[in-house]
Amino acid sequence: MDVLFHQYAWGPVLLLAYSCQREGGTPRNIEVSEHRWVPLADLANYKLLAADQPLVDKLCQQGR
């Protein structure tokens, strides 16, 4: 698990990121408009929020 903190101009955000893998079934959007399982190499193709970027950078470094 990773814990990330980001301060936006409008307020703080605390992110809890868990390692997981999909085992089957259909993902449901609960309290979010959309989510996707994407290959690590494709993350650079998505526009992400500033709070998410440190986690994406870490995942990309680990994937090399």
N, C-alpha and C. Protein backbone atom coordinates (compact mmCIF):
# COMPACT_ATOMS: atom_id res chain seq x y z
N MET A 1 0.85 -1.18 0.00
CA MET A 1 0.00 0.00 0.00
C MET A 1 0.89 1.23 0.00
N ASP A 2 0.49 2.23 -0.74
CA ASP A 2 1.16 3.53 -0.75
C ASP A 2 0.18 4.58 -0.22
N VAL A 3 0.72 5.52 0.52
CA VAL A 3 -0.06 6.64 1.03
C VAL A 3 0.54 7.91 0.43
N LEU A 4 -0.29 8.69 -0.26
CA LEU A 4 0.18 9.92 -0.89
C LEU A 4 -0.65 11.09 -0.40
N PHE A 5 0.00 12.19 -0.20
CA PHE A 5 -0.67 13.42 0.21
C PHE A 5 -0.36 14.49 -0.82
N HIS A 6 -1.38 15.22 -1.23
CA HIS A 6 -1.19 16.31 -2.19
C HIS A 6 -2.02 17.51 -1.73
N GLN A 7 -1.41 18.67 -1.84
CA GLN A 7 -2.10 19.91 -1.46
C GLN A 7 -2.48 20.68 -2.71
N TYR A 8 -3.77 20.75 -3.00
CA TYR A 8 -4.27 21.61 -4.06
C TYR A 8 -4.57 22.98 -3.46
N ALA A 9 -4.80 23.97 -4.31
CA ALA A 9 -5.14 25.31 -3.83
C ALA A 9 -6.45 25.29 -3.04
N TRP A 10 -7.37 24.39 -3.38
CA TRP A 10 -8.67 24.34 -2.73
C TRP A 10 -8.68 23.44 -1.49
N GLY A 11 -7.59 22.65 -1.28
CA GLY A 11 -7.54 21.81 -0.10
C GLY A 11 -6.69 20.57 -0.28
N PRO A 12 -6.51 19.81 0.80
CA PRO A 12 -5.65 18.63 0.77
C PRO A 12 -6.37 17.38 0.25
N VAL A 13 -5.57 16.46 -0.29
CA VAL A 13 -6.08 15.17 -0.76
C VAL A 13 -5.17 14.08 -0.20
N LEU A 14 -5.76 13.05 0.35
CA LEU A 14 -5.03 11.89 0.83
C LEU A 14 -5.42 10.70 -0.04
N LEU A 15 -4.44 10.07 -0.69
CA LEU A 15 -4.70 8.93 -1.55
C LEU A 15 -4.13 7.67 -0.91
N LEU A 16 -4.92 6.63 -0.90
CA LEU A 16 -4.47 5.31 -0.45
C LEU A 16 -4.47 4.41 -1.67
N ALA A 17 -3.31 3.92 -2.07
CA ALA A 17 -3.18 3.10 -3.27
C ALA A 17 -2.81 1.68 -2.87
N TYR A 18 -3.61 0.74 -3.34
CA TYR A 18 -3.42 -0.67 -3.01
C TYR A 18 -3.00 -1.45 -4.24
N SER A 19 -2.13 -2.41 -4.06
CA SER A 19 -1.75 -3.31 -5.14
C SER A 19 -2.83 -4.38 -5.26
N CYS A 20 -3.30 -4.61 -6.48
CA CYS A 20 -4.33 -5.61 -6.69
C CYS A 20 -4.23 -6.15 -8.11
N GLN A 21 -4.93 -7.21 -8.35
CA GLN A 21 -5.02 -7.72 -9.71
C GLN A 21 -6.43 -8.25 -9.94
N ARG A 22 -6.86 -8.12 -11.14
CA ARG A 22 -8.21 -8.53 -11.52
C ARG A 22 -8.25 -10.03 -11.69
N GLU A 23 -9.23 -10.66 -11.07
CA GLU A 23 -9.36 -12.11 -11.17
C GLU A 23 -10.57 -12.53 -12.00
N GLY A 24 -11.36 -11.59 -12.44
CA GLY A 24 -12.53 -11.92 -13.24
C GLY A 24 -13.71 -11.05 -12.86
N GLY A 25 -14.78 -11.28 -13.53
CA GLY A 25 -15.97 -10.49 -13.25
C GLY A 25 -15.94 -9.16 -13.98
N THR A 26 -16.94 -8.36 -13.71
CA THR A 26 -17.07 -7.06 -14.34
C THR A 26 -16.90 -5.97 -13.28
N PRO A 27 -15.91 -5.09 -13.44
CA PRO A 27 -15.74 -4.00 -12.47
C PRO A 27 -16.97 -3.08 -12.48
N ARG A 28 -17.31 -2.55 -11.31
CA ARG A 28 -18.42 -1.61 -11.18
C ARG A 28 -17.88 -0.27 -10.72
N ASN A 29 -18.43 0.80 -11.25
CA ASN A 29 -18.06 2.15 -10.83
C ASN A 29 -18.87 2.51 -9.59
N ILE A 30 -18.22 2.53 -8.46
CA ILE A 30 -18.87 2.89 -7.20
C ILE A 30 -18.23 4.17 -6.70
N GLU A 31 -18.99 5.23 -6.65
CA GLU A 31 -18.54 6.55 -6.22
C GLU A 31 -17.50 7.17 -7.15
N VAL A 32 -17.40 6.67 -8.37
CA VAL A 32 -16.57 7.28 -9.42
C VAL A 32 -17.34 7.20 -10.72
N SER A 33 -17.04 8.10 -11.65
CA SER A 33 -17.75 8.06 -12.93
C SER A 33 -17.21 6.97 -13.84
N GLU A 34 -15.91 6.67 -13.72
CA GLU A 34 -15.31 5.66 -14.58
C GLU A 34 -13.97 5.22 -14.01
N HIS A 35 -13.62 3.99 -14.23
CA HIS A 35 -12.27 3.51 -13.95
C HIS A 35 -11.92 2.45 -15.00
N ARG A 36 -10.62 2.20 -15.14
CA ARG A 36 -10.17 1.24 -16.16
C ARG A 36 -8.95 0.49 -15.65
N TRP A 37 -8.82 -0.74 -16.09
CA TRP A 37 -7.58 -1.48 -15.92
C TRP A 37 -6.79 -1.26 -17.20
N VAL A 38 -5.60 -0.69 -17.10
CA VAL A 38 -4.80 -0.41 -18.30
C VAL A 38 -3.38 -0.94 -18.09
N PRO A 39 -2.73 -1.32 -19.18
CA PRO A 39 -1.33 -1.73 -19.07
C PRO A 39 -0.47 -0.55 -18.59
N LEU A 40 0.54 -0.85 -17.83
CA LEU A 40 1.43 0.18 -17.29
C LEU A 40 1.98 1.08 -18.39
N ALA A 41 2.33 0.49 -19.51
CA ALA A 41 2.90 1.26 -20.62
C ALA A 41 1.91 2.29 -21.18
N ASP A 42 0.62 2.10 -20.96
CA ASP A 42 -0.39 3.01 -21.49
C ASP A 42 -0.72 4.17 -20.56
N LEU A 43 -0.22 4.17 -19.33
CA LEU A 43 -0.56 5.23 -18.39
C LEU A 43 -0.18 6.62 -18.88
N ALA A 44 0.88 6.71 -19.64
CA ALA A 44 1.32 8.01 -20.15
C ALA A 44 0.30 8.62 -21.12
N ASN A 45 -0.61 7.81 -21.64
CA ASN A 45 -1.61 8.29 -22.59
C ASN A 45 -2.83 8.91 -21.93
N TYR A 46 -2.87 8.92 -20.60
CA TYR A 46 -4.03 9.42 -19.87
C TYR A 46 -3.68 10.74 -19.18
N LYS A 47 -4.63 11.66 -19.20
CA LYS A 47 -4.47 12.91 -18.47
C LYS A 47 -4.88 12.65 -17.02
N LEU A 48 -3.92 12.76 -16.12
CA LEU A 48 -4.15 12.45 -14.72
C LEU A 48 -4.04 13.71 -13.86
N LEU A 49 -4.63 13.67 -12.72
CA LEU A 49 -4.54 14.79 -11.78
C LEU A 49 -3.15 14.85 -11.15
N ALA A 50 -2.76 16.03 -10.70
CA ALA A 50 -1.44 16.23 -10.10
C ALA A 50 -1.23 15.30 -8.90
N ALA A 51 -2.27 15.03 -8.14
CA ALA A 51 -2.14 14.15 -6.97
C ALA A 51 -1.80 12.72 -7.37
N ASP A 52 -2.18 12.31 -8.57
CA ASP A 52 -1.94 10.94 -9.03
C ASP A 52 -0.54 10.74 -9.61
N GLN A 53 0.09 11.81 -10.06
CA GLN A 53 1.32 11.69 -10.82
C GLN A 53 2.47 11.01 -10.06
N PRO A 54 2.70 11.29 -8.78
CA PRO A 54 3.79 10.59 -8.08
C PRO A 54 3.61 9.08 -8.05
N LEU A 55 2.39 8.61 -7.92
CA LEU A 55 2.14 7.17 -7.93
C LEU A 55 2.39 6.59 -9.32
N VAL A 56 1.95 7.28 -10.35
CA VAL A 56 2.18 6.82 -11.72
C VAL A 56 3.68 6.77 -12.00
N ASP A 57 4.42 7.79 -11.57
CA ASP A 57 5.87 7.79 -11.77
C ASP A 57 6.52 6.60 -11.07
N LYS A 58 6.07 6.31 -9.86
CA LYS A 58 6.63 5.18 -9.10
C LYS A 58 6.32 3.86 -9.80
N LEU A 59 5.09 3.69 -10.26
CA LEU A 59 4.72 2.46 -10.95
C LEU A 59 5.53 2.28 -12.23
N CYS A 60 5.73 3.36 -12.97
CA CYS A 60 6.52 3.29 -14.20
C CYS A 60 7.97 2.94 -13.91
N GLN A 61 8.53 3.47 -12.83
CA GLN A 61 9.92 3.14 -12.45
C GLN A 61 10.03 1.67 -12.07
N GLN A 62 9.07 1.15 -11.33
CA GLN A 62 9.10 -0.25 -10.91
C GLN A 62 8.91 -1.19 -12.10
N GLY A 63 8.20 -0.72 -13.12
CA GLY A 63 7.91 -1.56 -14.27
C GLY A 63 9.06 -1.67 -15.26
N ARG A 64 10.09 -0.88 -15.08
CA ARG A 64 11.24 -0.91 -16.00
C ARG A 64 12.19 -2.02 -15.69
